[in-house]
C-alpha atoms as a PDB file:
ATOM      1  CA  MET A   1     -13.825  -4.855 -18.274  1.00  0.00           C
ATOM      2  CA  GLU A   2     -11.095  -2.975 -16.401  1.00  0.00           C
ATOM      3  CA  PRO A   3     -11.818  -1.753 -12.864  1.00  0.00           C
ATOM      4  CA  LYS A   4     -12.401   1.960 -12.347  1.00  0.00           C
ATOM      5  CA  TYR A   5     -10.003   4.197 -10.425  1.00  0.00           C
ATOM      6  CA  GLY A   6     -12.268   4.316  -7.357  1.00  0.00           C
ATOM      7  CA  ASP A   7     -12.417   0.512  -7.293  1.00  0.00           C
ATOM      8  CA  ILE A   8      -8.630   0.237  -7.563  1.00  0.00           C
ATOM      9  CA  GLU A   9      -8.189   2.828  -4.810  1.00  0.00           C
ATOM     10  CA  ARG A  10     -10.436   0.822  -2.478  1.00  0.00           C
ATOM     11  CA  CYS A  11      -8.641  -2.436  -3.365  1.00  0.00           C
ATOM     12  CA  VAL A  12      -5.242  -0.862  -2.658  1.00  0.00           C
ATOM     13  CA  TYR A  13      -6.416   0.487   0.717  1.00  0.00           C
ATOM     14  CA  ASP A  14      -7.854  -2.920   1.659  1.00  0.00           C
ATOM     15  CA  ALA A  15      -4.658  -4.683   0.537  1.00  0.00           C
ATOM     16  CA  VAL A  16      -2.453  -2.374   2.618  1.00  0.00           C
ATOM     17  CA  CYS A  17      -4.723  -3.001   5.610  1.00  0.00           C
ATOM     18  CA  ALA A  18      -4.430  -6.763   5.027  1.00  0.00           C
ATOM     19  CA  LEU A  19      -0.628  -6.480   4.918  1.00  0.00           C
ATOM     20  CA  ILE A  20      -0.670  -4.566   8.209  1.00  0.00           C
ATOM     21  CA  ARG A  21      -2.967  -7.146   9.812  1.00  0.00           C
ATOM     22  CA  ARG A  22      -0.477  -9.891   8.926  1.00  0.00           C
ATOM     23  CA  ALA A  23       2.525  -7.930  10.259  1.00  0.00           C
ATOM     24  CA  ARG A  24       4.273  -9.562  13.190  1.00  0.00           C
ATOM     25  CA  GLY A  25       6.678  -6.804  14.209  1.00  0.00           C
ATOM     26  CA  THR A  26       6.580  -3.034  14.565  1.00  0.00           C
ATOM     27  CA  CYS A  27       6.665  -2.162  10.862  1.00  0.00           C
ATOM     28  CA  ARG A  28       5.754  -3.565   7.457  1.00  0.00           C
ATOM     29  CA  THR A  29       7.418  -2.846   4.119  1.00  0.00           C
ATOM     30  CA  PHE A  30       5.905  -3.544   0.732  1.00  0.00           C
ATOM     31  CA  THR A  31       6.144  -2.694  -2.963  1.00  0.00           C
ATOM     32  CA  PRO A  32       3.365  -1.774  -5.402  1.00  0.00           C
ATOM     33  CA  LYS A  33       3.640  -5.262  -6.935  1.00  0.00           C
ATOM     34  CA  GLN A  34       3.049  -6.918  -3.561  1.00  0.00           C
ATOM     35  CA  VAL A  35      -0.013  -4.721  -3.058  1.00  0.00           C
ATOM     36  CA  ALA A  36      -1.293  -5.703  -6.511  1.00  0.00           C
ATOM     37  CA  ARG A  37      -0.932  -9.396  -5.705  1.00  0.00           C
ATOM     38  CA  VAL A  38      -2.741  -9.096  -2.370  1.00  0.00           C
ATOM     39  CA  ALA A  39      -5.502  -7.036  -4.015  1.00  0.00           C
ATOM     40  CA  ARG A  40      -5.682  -9.560  -6.872  1.00  0.00           C
ATOM     41  CA  LEU A  41      -5.111  -6.855  -9.460  1.00  0.00           C
ATOM     42  CA  SER A  42      -3.083  -7.107 -12.637  1.00  0.00           C
ATOM     43  CA  THR A  43       0.677  -6.703 -12.245  1.00  0.00           C
ATOM     44  CA  LYS A  44       1.051  -4.976 -15.607  1.00  0.00           C
ATOM     45  CA  PRO A  45       3.111  -1.766 -15.534  1.00  0.00           C
ATOM     46  CA  VAL A  46       0.120   0.500 -16.126  1.00  0.00           C
ATOM     47  CA  THR A  47      -1.728  -0.927 -13.114  1.00  0.00           C
ATOM     48  CA  LEU A  48       1.403  -0.727 -10.966  1.00  0.00           C
ATOM     49  CA  SER A  49       1.724   2.956 -11.897  1.00  0.00           C
ATOM     50  CA  VAL A  50      -1.818   3.607 -10.689  1.00  0.00           C
ATOM     51  CA  ILE A  51      -1.120   1.698  -7.466  1.00  0.00           C
ATOM     52  CA  ARG A  52       2.068   3.704  -6.953  1.00  0.00           C
ATOM     53  CA  TYR A  53       0.108   6.927  -7.453  1.00  0.00           C
ATOM     54  CA  ILE A  54      -2.394   5.849  -4.783  1.00  0.00           C
ATOM     55  CA  LEU A  55       0.428   4.896  -2.402  1.00  0.00           C
ATOM     56  CA  GLU A  56       2.077   8.293  -3.009  1.00  0.00           C
ATOM     57  CA  LYS A  57      -1.231   9.896  -2.037  1.00  0.00           C
ATOM     58  CA  MET A  58      -1.153   7.907   1.206  1.00  0.00           C
ATOM     59  CA  VAL A  59       2.419   9.141   1.791  1.00  0.00           C
ATOM     60  CA  ARG A  60       1.276  12.758   1.392  1.00  0.00           C
ATOM     61  CA  GLU A  61      -1.529  12.103   3.894  1.00  0.00           C
ATOM     62  CA  GLY A  62       1.025  10.779   6.400  1.00  0.00           C
ATOM     63  CA  GLN A  63      -0.383   7.249   6.593  1.00  0.00           C
ATOM     64  CA  ILE A  64       2.711   5.505   5.199  1.00  0.00           C
ATOM     65  CA  GLN A  65       6.306   6.457   4.392  1.00  0.00           C
ATOM     66  CA  LEU A  66       8.400   6.049   1.267  1.00  0.00           C
ATOM     67  CA  TYR A  67      11.792   4.351   1.216  1.00  0.00           C
ATOM     68  CA  LYS A  68      13.415   4.926  -2.171  1.00  0.00           C
ATOM     69  CA  LYS A  69      16.755   3.380  -2.996  1.00  0.00           C
ATOM     70  CA  GLY A  70      17.840   3.780  -6.602  1.00  0.00           C
ATOM     71  CA  ARG A  71      14.905   2.812  -8.800  1.00  0.00           C
ATOM     72  CA  THR A  72      13.267   0.674  -6.122  1.00  0.00           C
ATOM     73  CA  TYR A  73      10.241   2.081  -4.331  1.00  0.00           C
ATOM     74  CA  ARG A  74       9.353   0.456  -1.023  1.00  0.00           C
ATOM     75  CA  TYR A  75       6.685   1.749   1.280  1.00  0.00           C
ATOM     76  CA  ILE A  76       6.837   1.413   5.058  1.00  0.00           C
ATOM     77  CA  VAL A  77       4.130   1.506   7.698  1.00  0.00           C
ATOM     78  CA  TYR A  78       5.349   1.884  11.276  1.00  0.00           C
ATOM     79  CA  ASN A  79       3.378   1.082  14.412  1.00  0.00           C
ATOM     80  CA  THR A  80       3.193   4.818  15.130  1.00  0.00           C
ATOM     81  CA  SER A  81       1.219   5.461  11.934  1.00  0.00           C
ATOM     82  CA  PRO A  82      -2.470   6.373  12.279  1.00  0.00           C
ATOM     83  CA  LEU A  83      -3.304   3.698   9.680  1.00  0.00           C
ATOM     84  CA  TRP A  84      -1.474   1.023  11.707  1.00  0.00           C
ATOM     85  CA  LYS A  85      -3.323   2.043  14.876  1.00  0.00           C
ATOM     86  CA  LYS A  86      -6.663   1.976  13.072  1.00  0.00           C
ATOM     87  CA  VAL A  87      -6.076  -1.490  11.570  1.00  0.00           C
ATOM     88  CA  LYS A  88      -4.534  -3.070  14.669  1.00  0.00           C
ATOM     89  CA  GLY A  89      -7.035  -1.407  17.008  1.00  0.00           C
ATOM     90  CA  GLU A  90      -4.425   0.218  19.227  1.00  0.00           C
END
């Protein structure tokens, strides 16, 4: 049985928080595939599209930023982000 959208959304949020927790510098970059691996979700294109949609929603909310170069989508969280401050407890 495939997970529901709400479950995937929660997994993606938790995975991004885990990536931030493991960050050693002042920012963290990641791709949808890296998020899928941390969240232990499928890395099939349809799942990656859903993850990308959720990450785009987080970009619109101002929690993360998008760095797009060509066809590559990378997302960045800086230490000034409200999500970073919430996860790191700053």
